[in-house]
């Protein structure tokens, strides 16, 4: 009796924590109504990293990329 071998695709691990943080931050920024409030909106790198459950470095890199993009 021959052995049946399953064919599975490799897990996509190309998306980094920075990429995930970038996507999440961009979504939050784009979906926010920044003109509704007069209060200044600030993104706290430490709080975001804690909320995402990752270190500050990928959050810092994502924020820098968003800033470069305007």
PDB file of N, CA and C in Angstrom:
ATOM      1  N   UNK A   1       0.847  -1.179   0.000  1.00  0.00           N
ATOM      2  CA  UNK A   1       0.000   0.000   0.000  1.00  0.00           C
ATOM      3  C   UNK A   1       0.895   1.245   0.000  1.00  0.00           C
ATOM      4  N   UNK A   2       0.643   2.183  -0.898  1.00  0.00           N
ATOM      5  CA  UNK A   2       1.469   3.384  -0.985  1.00  0.00           C
ATOM      6  C   UNK A   2       0.971   4.449  -0.016  1.00  0.00           C
ATOM      7  N   UNK A   3       1.901   5.240   0.418  1.00  0.00           N
ATOM      8  CA  UNK A   3       1.597   6.307   1.372  1.00  0.00           C
ATOM      9  C   UNK A   3       0.993   7.507   0.634  1.00  0.00           C
ATOM     10  N   UNK A   4      -0.052   8.077   1.187  1.00  0.00           N
ATOM     11  CA  UNK A   4      -0.681   9.265   0.607  1.00  0.00           C
ATOM     12  C   UNK A   4      -0.022  10.490   1.213  1.00  0.00           C
ATOM     13  N   UNK A   5       0.427  11.349   0.350  1.00  0.00           N
ATOM     14  CA  UNK A   5       1.092  12.577   0.825  1.00  0.00           C
ATOM     15  C   UNK A   5       0.224  13.776   0.466  1.00  0.00           C
ATOM     16  N   UNK A   6      -0.056  14.598   1.452  1.00  0.00           N
ATOM     17  CA  UNK A   6      -0.847  15.802   1.243  1.00  0.00           C
ATOM     18  C   UNK A   6       0.032  16.899   0.664  1.00  0.00           C
ATOM     19  N   UNK A   7      -0.540  17.666  -0.227  1.00  0.00           N
ATOM     20  CA  UNK A   7       0.171  18.795  -0.810  1.00  0.00           C
ATOM     21  C   UNK A   7      -0.362  20.049  -0.142  1.00  0.00           C
ATOM     22  N   UNK A   8       0.512  20.747   0.538  1.00  0.00           N
ATOM     23  CA  UNK A   8       0.120  21.986   1.216  1.00  0.00           C
ATOM     24  C   UNK A   8       1.014  23.114   0.750  1.00  0.00           C
ATOM     25  N   UNK A   9       0.443  24.274   0.701  1.00  0.00           N
ATOM     26  CA  UNK A   9       1.207  25.463   0.317  1.00  0.00           C
ATOM     27  C   UNK A   9       1.994  25.964   1.523  1.00  0.00           C
ATOM     28  N   UNK A  10       3.158  26.532   1.281  1.00  0.00           N
ATOM     29  CA  UNK A  10       3.923  27.088   2.403  1.00  0.00           C
ATOM     30  C   UNK A  10       3.181  28.269   3.034  1.00  0.00           C
ATOM     31  N   UNK A  11       3.419  28.440   4.300  1.00  0.00           N
ATOM     32  CA  UNK A  11       2.804  29.555   5.025  1.00  0.00           C
ATOM     33  C   UNK A  11       3.480  30.844   4.588  1.00  0.00           C
ATOM     34  N   UNK A  12       2.671  31.832   4.263  1.00  0.00           N
ATOM     35  CA  UNK A  12       3.200  33.117   3.826  1.00  0.00           C
ATOM     36  C   UNK A  12       3.693  33.889   5.045  1.00  0.00           C
ATOM     37  N   UNK A  13       4.986  33.996   5.171  1.00  0.00           N
ATOM     38  CA  UNK A  13       5.553  34.723   6.302  1.00  0.00           C
ATOM     39  C   UNK A  13       6.318  35.953   5.835  1.00  0.00           C
ATOM     40  N   UNK A  14       5.987  36.428   4.637  1.00  0.00           N
ATOM     41  CA  UNK A  14       6.679  37.598   4.100  1.00  0.00           C
ATOM     42  C   UNK A  14       6.204  38.890   4.746  1.00  0.00           C
ATOM     43  N   UNK A  15       5.003  38.896   5.299  1.00  0.00           N
ATOM     44  CA  UNK A  15       4.504  40.119   5.915  1.00  0.00           C
ATOM     45  C   UNK A  15       5.121  40.247   7.313  1.00  0.00           C
ATOM     46  N   UNK A  16       5.846  41.320   7.507  1.00  0.00           N
ATOM     47  CA  UNK A  16       6.541  41.549   8.774  1.00  0.00           C
ATOM     48  C   UNK A  16       5.622  42.262   9.765  1.00  0.00           C
ATOM     49  N   UNK A  17       6.076  42.349  11.015  1.00  0.00           N
ATOM     50  CA  UNK A  17       5.322  43.107  12.014  1.00  0.00           C
ATOM     51  C   UNK A  17       5.203  44.567  11.584  1.00  0.00           C
ATOM     52  N   UNK A  18       6.244  45.092  10.942  1.00  0.00           N
ATOM     53  CA  UNK A  18       6.191  46.474  10.447  1.00  0.00           C
ATOM     54  C   UNK A  18       5.094  46.617   9.411  1.00  0.00           C
ATOM     55  N   UNK A  19       5.006  45.654   8.499  1.00  0.00           N
ATOM     56  CA  UNK A  19       3.955  45.690   7.471  1.00  0.00           C
ATOM     57  C   UNK A  19       2.567  45.638   8.099  1.00  0.00           C
ATOM     58  N   UNK A  20       2.421  44.776   9.088  1.00  0.00           N
ATOM     59  CA  UNK A  20       1.119  44.643   9.760  1.00  0.00           C
ATOM     60  C   UNK A  20       0.774  45.914  10.527  1.00  0.00           C
ATOM     61  N   UNK A  21       1.767  46.498  11.215  1.00  0.00           N
ATOM     62  CA  UNK A  21       1.532  47.745  11.945  1.00  0.00           C
ATOM     63  C   UNK A  21       1.191  48.869  10.973  1.00  0.00           C
ATOM     64  N   UNK A  22       1.892  48.925   9.849  1.00  0.00           N
ATOM     65  CA  UNK A  22       1.640  49.940   8.826  1.00  0.00           C
ATOM     66  C   UNK A  22       0.193  49.838   8.333  1.00  0.00           C
ATOM     67  N   UNK A  23      -0.230  48.636   7.995  1.00  0.00           N
ATOM     68  CA  UNK A  23      -1.591  48.423   7.493  1.00  0.00           C
ATOM     69  C   UNK A  23      -2.628  48.833   8.526  1.00  0.00           C
ATOM     70  N   UNK A  24      -2.415  48.428   9.775  1.00  0.00           N
ATOM     71  CA  UNK A  24      -3.365  48.755  10.838  1.00  0.00           C
ATOM     72  C   UNK A  24      -3.417  50.261  11.085  1.00  0.00           C
ATOM     73  N   UNK A  25      -2.257  50.905  11.153  1.00  0.00           N
ATOM     74  CA  UNK A  25      -2.216  52.350  11.399  1.00  0.00           C
ATOM     75  C   UNK A  25      -2.841  53.124  10.245  1.00  0.00           C
ATOM     76  N   UNK A  26      -2.541  52.724   9.032  1.00  0.00           N
ATOM     77  CA  UNK A  26      -3.108  53.413   7.873  1.00  0.00           C
ATOM     78  C   UNK A  26      -4.631  53.304   7.870  1.00  0.00           C
ATOM     79  N   UNK A  27      -5.124  52.125   8.199  1.00  0.00           N
ATOM     80  CA  UNK A  27      -6.577  51.920   8.256  1.00  0.00           C
ATOM     81  C   UNK A  27      -7.211  52.841   9.311  1.00  0.00           C
ATOM     82  N   UNK A  28      -6.607  52.908  10.479  1.00  0.00           N
ATOM     83  CA  UNK A  28      -7.136  53.759  11.553  1.00  0.00           C
ATOM     84  C   UNK A  28      -7.128  55.220  11.126  1.00  0.00           C
ATOM     85  N   UNK A  29      -6.038  55.652  10.524  1.00  0.00           N
ATOM     86  CA  UNK A  29      -5.923  57.049  10.097  1.00  0.00           C
ATOM     87  C   UNK A  29      -6.947  57.374   9.016  1.00  0.00           C
ATOM     88  N   UNK A  30      -7.057  56.490   8.028  1.00  0.00           N
ATOM     89  CA  UNK A  30      -7.992  56.740   6.925  1.00  0.00           C
ATOM     90  C   UNK A  30      -9.454  56.702   7.376  1.00  0.00           C
ATOM     91  N   UNK A  31      -9.764  55.912   8.379  1.00  0.00           N
ATOM     92  CA  UNK A  31     -11.157  55.794   8.816  1.00  0.00           C
ATOM     93  C   UNK A  31     -11.525  56.792   9.903  1.00  0.00           C
ATOM     94  N   UNK A  32     -10.556  57.581  10.371  1.00  0.00           N
ATOM     95  CA  UNK A  32     -10.823  58.571  11.421  1.00  0.00           C
ATOM     96  C   UNK A  32     -11.328  59.872  10.818  1.00  0.00           C
ATOM     97  N   UNK A  33     -12.216  60.508  11.551  1.00  0.00           N
ATOM     98  CA  UNK A  33     -12.705  61.823  11.153  1.00  0.00           C
ATOM     99  C   UNK A  33     -11.915  62.850  11.954  1.00  0.00           C
ATOM    100  N   UNK A  34     -10.748  63.218  11.435  1.00  0.00           N
ATOM    101  CA  UNK A  34      -9.855  64.092  12.181  1.00  0.00           C
ATOM    102  C   UNK A  34     -10.366  65.526  12.262  1.00  0.00           C
ATOM    103  N   UNK A  35     -11.341  65.862  11.452  1.00  0.00           N
ATOM    104  CA  UNK A  35     -11.852  67.232  11.448  1.00  0.00           C
ATOM    105  C   UNK A  35     -13.046  67.408  12.389  1.00  0.00           C
ATOM    106  N   UNK A  36     -13.506  66.317  12.975  1.00  0.00           N
ATOM    107  CA  UNK A  36     -14.666  66.382  13.860  1.00  0.00           C
ATOM    108  C   UNK A  36     -14.320  67.023  15.210  1.00  0.00           C
ATOM    109  N   UNK A  37     -13.123  66.852  15.650  1.00  0.00           N
ATOM    110  CA  UNK A  37     -12.728  67.338  16.968  1.00  0.00           C
ATOM    111  C   UNK A  37     -11.654  68.408  16.851  1.00  0.00           C
ATOM    112  N   UNK A  38     -11.655  69.300  17.804  1.00  0.00           N
ATOM    113  CA  UNK A  38     -10.622  70.337  17.839  1.00  0.00           C
ATOM    114  C   UNK A  38      -9.397  69.854  18.613  1.00  0.00           C
ATOM    115  N   UNK A  39      -9.542  68.755  19.309  1.00  0.00           N
ATOM    116  CA  UNK A  39      -8.441  68.202  20.080  1.00  0.00           C
ATOM    117  C   UNK A  39      -7.388  67.626  19.141  1.00  0.00           C
ATOM    118  N   UNK A  40      -6.131  67.905  19.443  1.00  0.00           N
ATOM    119  CA  UNK A  40      -5.042  67.380  18.623  1.00  0.00           C
ATOM    120  C   UNK A  40      -4.938  65.872  18.817  1.00  0.00           C
ATOM    121  N   UNK A  41      -4.807  65.152  17.731  1.00  0.00           N
ATOM    122  CA  UNK A  41      -4.686  63.696  17.784  1.00  0.00           C
ATOM    123  C   UNK A  41      -3.212  63.329  17.739  1.00  0.00           C
ATOM    124  N   UNK A  42      -2.787  62.546  18.708  1.00  0.00           N
ATOM    125  CA  UNK A  42      -1.388  62.106  18.767  1.00  0.00           C
ATOM    126  C   UNK A  42      -1.348  60.587  18.817  1.00  0.00           C
ATOM    127  N   UNK A  43      -0.412  60.026  18.089  1.00  0.00           N
ATOM    128  CA  UNK A  43      -0.196  58.592  18.118  1.00  0.00           C
ATOM    129  C   UNK A  43       0.984  58.309  19.044  1.00  0.00           C
ATOM    130  N   UNK A  44       0.738  57.554  20.091  1.00  0.00           N
ATOM    131  CA  UNK A  44       1.767  57.220  21.068  1.00  0.00           C
ATOM    132  C   UNK A  44       2.397  55.877  20.685  1.00  0.00           C
ATOM    133  N   UNK A  45       3.651  55.940  20.299  1.00  0.00           N
ATOM    134  CA  UNK A  45       4.376  54.758  19.843  1.00  0.00           C
ATOM    135  C   UNK A  45       4.357  53.635  20.877  1.00  0.00           C
ATOM    136  N   UNK A  46       4.576  53.974  22.132  1.00  0.00           N
ATOM    137  CA  UNK A  46       4.588  52.955  23.198  1.00  0.00           C
ATOM    138  C   UNK A  46       3.224  52.312  23.371  1.00  0.00           C
ATOM    139  N   UNK A  47       2.185  53.132  23.373  1.00  0.00           N
ATOM    140  CA  UNK A  47       0.834  52.600  23.548  1.00  0.00           C
ATOM    141  C   UNK A  47       0.424  51.743  22.356  1.00  0.00           C
ATOM    142  N   UNK A  48       0.752  52.198  21.155  1.00  0.00           N
ATOM    143  CA  UNK A  48       0.429  51.418  19.965  1.00  0.00           C
ATOM    144  C   UNK A  48       1.135  50.062  19.987  1.00  0.00           C
ATOM    145  N   UNK A  49       2.408  50.056  20.343  1.00  0.00           N
ATOM    146  CA  UNK A  49       3.160  48.804  20.418  1.00  0.00           C
ATOM    147  C   UNK A  49       2.519  47.862  21.435  1.00  0.00           C
ATOM    148  N   UNK A  50       2.122  48.408  22.558  1.00  0.00           N
ATOM    149  CA  UNK A  50       1.467  47.592  23.584  1.00  0.00           C
ATOM    150  C   UNK A  50       0.128  47.071  23.068  1.00  0.00           C
ATOM    151  N   UNK A  51      -0.645  47.918  22.433  1.00  0.00           N
ATOM    152  CA  UNK A  51      -1.945  47.506  21.896  1.00  0.00           C
ATOM    153  C   UNK A  51      -1.794  46.420  20.827  1.00  0.00           C
ATOM    154  N   UNK A  52      -0.769  46.545  19.967  1.00  0.00           N
ATOM    155  CA  UNK A  52      -0.530  45.570  18.917  1.00  0.00           C
ATOM    156  C   UNK A  52       0.107  44.287  19.445  1.00  0.00           C
ATOM    157  N   UNK A  53       0.721  44.376  20.618  1.00  0.00           N
ATOM    158  CA  UNK A  53       1.406  43.212  21.178  1.00  0.00           C
ATOM    159  C   UNK A  53       2.746  42.943  20.511  1.00  0.00           C
ATOM    160  N   UNK A  54       3.401  44.029  20.056  1.00  0.00           N
ATOM    161  CA  UNK A  54       4.709  43.910  19.407  1.00  0.00           C
ATOM    162  C   UNK A  54       5.652  44.943  20.015  1.00  0.00           C
ATOM    163  N   UNK A  55       6.920  44.875  19.620  1.00  0.00           N
ATOM    164  CA  UNK A  55       7.885  45.851  20.127  1.00  0.00           C
ATOM    165  C   UNK A  55       7.681  47.206  19.442  1.00  0.00           C
ATOM    166  N   UNK A  56       8.362  48.210  19.949  1.00  0.00           N
ATOM    167  CA  UNK A  56       8.197  49.567  19.420  1.00  0.00           C
ATOM    168  C   UNK A  56       8.858  49.759  18.062  1.00  0.00           C
ATOM    169  N   UNK A  57       9.884  48.982  17.759  1.00  0.00           N
ATOM    170  CA  UNK A  57      10.622  49.175  16.511  1.00  0.00           C
ATOM    171  C   UNK A  57       9.739  49.064  15.270  1.00  0.00           C
ATOM    172  N   UNK A  58       8.930  47.998  15.109  1.00  0.00           N
ATOM    173  CA  UNK A  58       8.090  47.941  13.911  1.00  0.00           C
ATOM    174  C   UNK A  58       7.055  49.059  13.857  1.00  0.00           C
ATOM    175  N   UNK A  59       6.584  49.494  15.013  1.00  0.00           N
ATOM    176  CA  UNK A  59       5.619  50.602  15.058  1.00  0.00           C
ATOM    177  C   UNK A  59       6.313  51.884  14.616  1.00  0.00           C
ATOM    178  N   UNK A  60       7.518  52.101  15.112  1.00  0.00           N
ATOM    179  CA  UNK A  60       8.301  53.287  14.738  1.00  0.00           C
ATOM    180  C   UNK A  60       8.578  53.289  13.228  1.00  0.00           C
ATOM    181  N   UNK A  61       8.940  52.134  12.679  1.00  0.00           N
ATOM    182  CA  UNK A  61       9.208  52.028  11.246  1.00  0.00           C
ATOM    183  C   UNK A  61       7.948  52.285  10.420  1.00  0.00           C
ATOM    184  N   UNK A  62       6.818  51.758  10.878  1.00  0.00           N
ATOM    185  CA  UNK A  62       5.548  51.966  10.171  1.00  0.00           C
ATOM    186  C   UNK A  62       5.158  53.439  10.209  1.00  0.00           C
ATOM    187  N   UNK A  63       5.334  54.079  11.354  1.00  0.00           N
ATOM    188  CA  UNK A  63       4.994  55.498  11.479  1.00  0.00           C
ATOM    189  C   UNK A  63       5.901  56.342  10.579  1.00  0.00           C
ATOM    190  N   UNK A  64       7.163  55.973  10.495  1.00  0.00           N
ATOM    191  CA  UNK A  64       8.106  56.709   9.628  1.00  0.00           C
ATOM    192  C   UNK A  64       7.704  56.559   8.164  1.00  0.00           C
ATOM    193  N   UNK A  65       7.287  55.372   7.776  1.00  0.00           N
ATOM    194  CA  UNK A  65       6.849  55.158   6.392  1.00  0.00           C
ATOM    195  C   UNK A  65       5.594  55.980   6.090  1.00  0.00           C
ATOM    196  N   UNK A  66       4.651  56.000   7.031  1.00  0.00           N
ATOM    197  CA  UNK A  66       3.435  56.787   6.838  1.00  0.00           C
ATOM    198  C   UNK A  66       3.757  58.276   6.730  1.00  0.00           C
ATOM    199  N   UNK A  67       4.718  58.720   7.544  1.00  0.00           N
ATOM    200  CA  UNK A  67       5.116  60.140   7.505  1.00  0.00           C
ATOM    201  C   UNK A  67       5.753  60.475   6.152  1.00  0.00           C
ATOM    202  N   UNK A  68       6.600  59.583   5.649  1.00  0.00           N
ATOM    203  CA  UNK A  68       7.232  59.813   4.337  1.00  0.00           C
ATOM    204  C   UNK A  68       6.181  59.900   3.231  1.00  0.00           C
ATOM    205  N   UNK A  69       5.107  59.123   3.373  1.00  0.00           N
ATOM    206  CA  UNK A  69       4.048  59.109   2.366  1.00  0.00           C
ATOM    207  C   UNK A  69       3.096  60.299   2.495  1.00  0.00           C
ATOM    208  N   UNK A  70       3.210  60.977   3.613  1.00  0.00           N
ATOM    209  CA  UNK A  70       2.371  62.162   3.806  1.00  0.00           C
ATOM    210  C   UNK A  70       1.023  61.818   4.325  1.00  0.00           C
TER     211      UNK A  70
END
